[in-house]
Amino acid sequence: MTQKIYGYLRVSTNKQELEGNKGEILLKVNELKLNSQNIEWIEETVSGMKNYKTRELGKIDFKEGDVFITSEISRIGRTIVQIMSFISELLQKKVKVYFTKSKFEIDNSISSQAMIFAFSLTAQIERELISQRTKDALAKKKKDGQILGRPKNKMILDNKAEEIKKLLDDGVKINKIAEKYNMSRSTISKLIKKNGFKEK
């Protein structure tokens, strides 16, 4: 039976980040002297808070001898319970587990499991601290009277309104203006309507 290598990518919609993680997994495959032709990519942008069993991650049909590679332990889940449950399941099936951002190997040894627990705990605490700091900062801004989010009717190109008016007066079409500012046609149209500009 052919050994399968599952490259798991759970990232934001940032294409550059996705390609970067793919590159790291390919380097790991090369380092382990595995056949890159056997890689099956699993990609998803779902939140790590969602249980892995309901994600694409939980649909993989692992067999003995397969290899699972992802960038870091936090890609599996946001809680220690989820991470430990997933890794335990793979170890029972004798699947090899690797992370591109750490050197340790996953096996059934006490030291390996202790390392997984430590990494999982550290990642979870760090996320919770960041979340709390963000909440505290927003609460302070609100208390100080600052308006959170973009003010009503405020548009990203408001400071370019006069430039856009001049382009319209010169006969430049909305499509071309949209290209110039790397915006959609609808965004430019809204700005024109908001300011009462006329297209020639």
Protein backbone atom coordinates (compact mmCIF):
# COMPACT_ATOMS: atom_id res chain seq x y z
CA MET A 1 0.00 0.00 0.00
CA THR A 2 1.34 3.44 -0.95
CA GLN A 3 2.26 5.66 1.98
CA LYS A 4 0.23 8.87 1.94
CA ILE A 5 1.56 12.20 3.14
CA TYR A 6 -1.10 14.65 4.31
CA GLY A 7 -0.02 18.30 4.20
CA TYR A 8 -2.50 20.19 6.34
CA LEU A 9 -3.01 23.94 5.79
CA ARG A 10 -5.40 25.88 8.02
CA VAL A 11 -4.69 29.52 7.32
CA SER A 12 -6.29 32.90 6.79
CA THR A 13 -7.35 33.98 3.31
CA ASN A 14 -3.85 35.41 2.83
CA LYS A 15 -2.53 33.65 -0.30
CA GLN A 16 1.08 34.47 0.57
CA GLU A 17 0.77 32.75 3.96
CA LEU A 18 -0.77 29.69 2.31
CA GLU A 19 2.07 29.35 -0.20
CA GLY A 20 4.65 29.91 2.55
CA ASN A 21 3.24 27.07 4.64
CA LYS A 22 3.13 24.81 1.59
CA GLY A 23 6.79 25.54 0.95
CA GLU A 24 7.70 24.67 4.55
CA ILE A 25 5.86 21.34 4.31
CA LEU A 26 7.63 20.49 1.04
CA LEU A 27 10.99 21.22 2.70
CA LYS A 28 10.03 18.93 5.60
CA VAL A 29 9.07 16.16 3.14
CA ASN A 30 12.46 16.55 1.47
CA GLU A 31 14.25 16.55 4.84
CA LEU A 32 12.48 13.28 5.78
CA LYS A 33 13.41 11.81 2.38
CA LEU A 34 9.78 11.13 1.54
CA ASN A 35 8.21 11.08 -1.93
CA SER A 36 6.62 14.49 -2.57
CA GLN A 37 4.45 12.89 -5.28
CA ASN A 38 2.46 11.23 -2.49
CA ILE A 39 1.40 14.50 -0.84
CA GLU A 40 -2.31 15.16 -0.52
CA TRP A 41 -3.03 18.77 0.42
CA ILE A 42 -5.81 19.49 2.90
CA GLU A 43 -6.71 23.21 2.90
CA GLU A 44 -9.30 25.08 4.96
CA THR A 45 -9.81 28.53 6.49
CA VAL A 46 -12.19 27.43 9.25
CA SER A 47 -11.60 28.63 12.83
CA GLY A 48 -9.50 26.37 15.02
CA MET A 49 -12.20 26.68 17.69
CA LYS A 50 -14.36 24.33 15.64
CA ASN A 51 -13.83 20.70 16.62
CA TYR A 52 -11.46 18.96 14.22
CA LYS A 53 -13.96 16.11 13.74
CA THR A 54 -16.36 18.49 11.93
CA ARG A 55 -13.61 20.03 9.78
CA GLU A 56 -11.75 18.74 6.73
CA LEU A 57 -9.11 17.55 9.20
CA GLY A 58 -11.57 15.06 10.65
CA LYS A 59 -12.45 13.62 7.23
CA ILE A 60 -8.98 12.28 6.46
CA ASP A 61 -8.94 8.48 6.22
CA PHE A 62 -5.58 7.81 7.91
CA LYS A 63 -3.94 4.39 7.47
CA GLU A 64 -1.02 2.81 9.29
CA GLY A 65 2.28 4.22 8.01
CA ASP A 66 0.79 7.48 6.69
CA VAL A 67 2.43 10.81 7.51
CA PHE A 68 0.73 13.98 8.76
CA ILE A 69 2.58 17.30 8.44
CA THR A 70 1.43 20.80 9.36
CA SER A 71 3.20 24.01 10.31
CA GLU A 72 2.61 24.04 14.07
CA ILE A 73 0.57 22.38 16.77
CA SER A 74 -1.96 25.26 16.96
CA ARG A 75 -3.14 24.43 13.40
CA ILE A 76 -4.87 21.36 14.82
CA GLY A 77 -7.03 23.21 17.33
CA ARG A 78 -7.32 25.95 19.93
CA THR A 79 -7.67 23.78 23.03
CA ILE A 80 -5.46 21.19 24.68
CA VAL A 81 -8.29 18.63 24.64
CA GLN A 82 -8.74 18.91 20.85
CA ILE A 83 -5.03 18.73 20.11
CA MET A 84 -4.33 15.80 22.42
CA SER A 85 -7.39 13.91 21.14
CA PHE A 86 -6.36 14.30 17.48
CA ILE A 87 -2.73 13.32 18.05
CA SER A 88 -3.74 10.38 20.23
CA GLU A 89 -6.02 9.14 17.44
CA LEU A 90 -3.17 9.34 14.91
CA LEU A 91 -0.71 7.56 17.19
CA GLN A 92 -3.19 4.72 17.71
CA LYS A 93 -3.33 4.30 13.93
CA LYS A 94 0.51 4.42 13.80
CA VAL A 95 0.51 7.61 11.73
CA LYS A 96 3.73 9.66 11.87
CA VAL A 97 3.21 13.30 12.90
CA TYR A 98 5.55 16.22 12.12
CA PHE A 99 5.48 20.00 12.50
CA THR A 100 7.56 22.25 10.25
CA LYS A 101 8.18 24.85 12.96
CA SER A 102 9.47 22.38 15.59
CA LYS A 103 12.07 19.65 15.53
CA PHE A 104 10.65 17.14 18.00
CA GLU A 105 9.04 13.93 16.75
CA ILE A 106 5.66 12.67 17.96
CA ASP A 107 5.45 9.17 19.35
CA ASN A 108 3.84 7.33 22.27
CA SER A 109 6.63 8.11 24.71
CA ILE A 110 5.91 10.04 27.94
CA SER A 111 8.45 12.72 26.99
CA SER A 112 6.78 13.28 23.60
CA GLN A 113 3.31 13.53 25.14
CA ALA A 114 4.60 15.92 27.81
CA MET A 115 6.12 18.09 25.08
CA ILE A 116 2.81 18.14 23.16
CA PHE A 117 0.94 19.13 26.31
CA ALA A 118 3.44 21.92 27.07
CA PHE A 119 3.25 23.36 23.54
CA SER A 120 -0.56 23.13 23.52
CA LEU A 121 -0.85 24.81 26.91
CA THR A 122 1.56 27.60 25.94
CA ALA A 123 -0.32 28.28 22.67
CA GLN A 124 -3.70 28.34 24.44
CA ILE A 125 -2.51 30.70 27.20
CA GLU A 126 -0.91 33.02 24.62
CA ARG A 127 -4.15 33.21 22.59
CA GLU A 128 -6.21 33.95 25.69
CA LEU A 129 -3.80 36.69 26.81
CA ILE A 130 -3.86 38.33 23.35
CA SER A 131 -7.67 38.14 23.30
CA GLN A 132 -7.91 39.72 26.75
CA ARG A 133 -5.44 42.51 25.88
CA THR A 134 -7.47 43.31 22.75
CA LYS A 135 -10.71 43.45 24.76
CA ASP A 136 -9.09 45.66 27.41
CA ALA A 137 -7.71 48.05 24.77
CA LEU A 138 -11.12 48.37 23.05
CA ALA A 139 -12.86 48.91 26.40
CA LYS A 140 -10.41 51.71 27.26
CA LYS A 141 -10.98 53.42 23.88
CA LYS A 142 -14.74 53.23 24.40
CA LYS A 143 -14.41 54.65 27.93
CA ASP A 144 -12.28 57.51 26.55
CA GLY A 145 -15.09 58.36 24.13
CA GLN A 146 -13.45 57.08 20.96
CA ILE A 147 -15.76 55.73 18.26
CA LEU A 148 -14.89 52.12 17.50
CA GLY A 149 -14.92 50.99 13.88
CA ARG A 150 -15.24 53.21 10.84
CA PRO A 151 -17.44 56.28 11.47
CA LYS A 152 -20.81 56.24 9.71
CA ASN A 153 -20.63 57.35 6.06
CA LYS A 154 -16.82 57.45 6.24
CA MET A 155 -15.22 55.97 3.11
CA ILE A 156 -11.67 54.81 2.57
CA LEU A 157 -11.14 57.20 -0.37
CA ASP A 158 -12.69 60.32 1.20
CA ASN A 159 -9.28 62.02 1.18
CA LYS A 160 -9.06 61.39 -2.58
CA ALA A 161 -12.46 62.93 -3.40
CA GLU A 162 -11.06 66.04 -5.07
CA GLU A 163 -8.66 63.99 -7.17
CA ILE A 164 -11.50 61.76 -8.29
CA LYS A 165 -13.68 64.79 -9.11
CA LYS A 166 -10.91 66.18 -11.32
CA LEU A 167 -10.56 62.83 -13.12
CA LEU A 168 -14.32 62.78 -13.75
CA ASP A 169 -14.22 66.37 -15.01
CA ASP A 170 -11.42 65.33 -17.37
CA GLY A 171 -13.65 62.59 -18.79
CA VAL A 172 -11.98 59.58 -17.13
CA LYS A 173 -14.39 56.66 -16.82
CA ILE A 174 -15.32 55.09 -13.48
CA ASN A 175 -13.71 51.77 -14.43
CA LYS A 176 -10.36 53.46 -15.03
CA ILE A 177 -10.60 55.39 -11.75
CA ALA A 178 -11.33 52.15 -9.93
CA GLU A 179 -8.22 50.58 -11.50
CA LYS A 180 -6.09 53.58 -10.53
CA TYR A 181 -7.00 53.30 -6.84
CA ASN A 182 -7.23 49.50 -6.85
CA MET A 183 -10.88 49.63 -5.79
CA SER A 184 -14.09 48.10 -7.10
CA ARG A 185 -16.30 50.05 -9.50
CA SER A 186 -19.11 50.04 -6.92
CA THR A 187 -16.88 51.71 -4.30
CA ILE A 188 -15.99 54.53 -6.68
CA SER A 189 -19.65 54.89 -7.69
CA LYS A 190 -20.68 55.22 -4.02
CA LEU A 191 -18.06 57.92 -3.45
CA ILE A 192 -19.27 59.82 -6.53
CA LYS A 193 -22.89 59.60 -5.38
CA LYS A 194 -22.00 60.60 -1.82
CA ASN A 195 -20.23 63.77 -3.03
CA GLY A 196 -22.74 64.60 -5.76
CA PHE A 197 -20.13 64.34 -8.53
CA LYS A 198 -21.17 63.87 -12.15
CA GLU A 199 -19.60 61.57 -14.72
CA LYS A 200 -19.12 63.12 -18.15
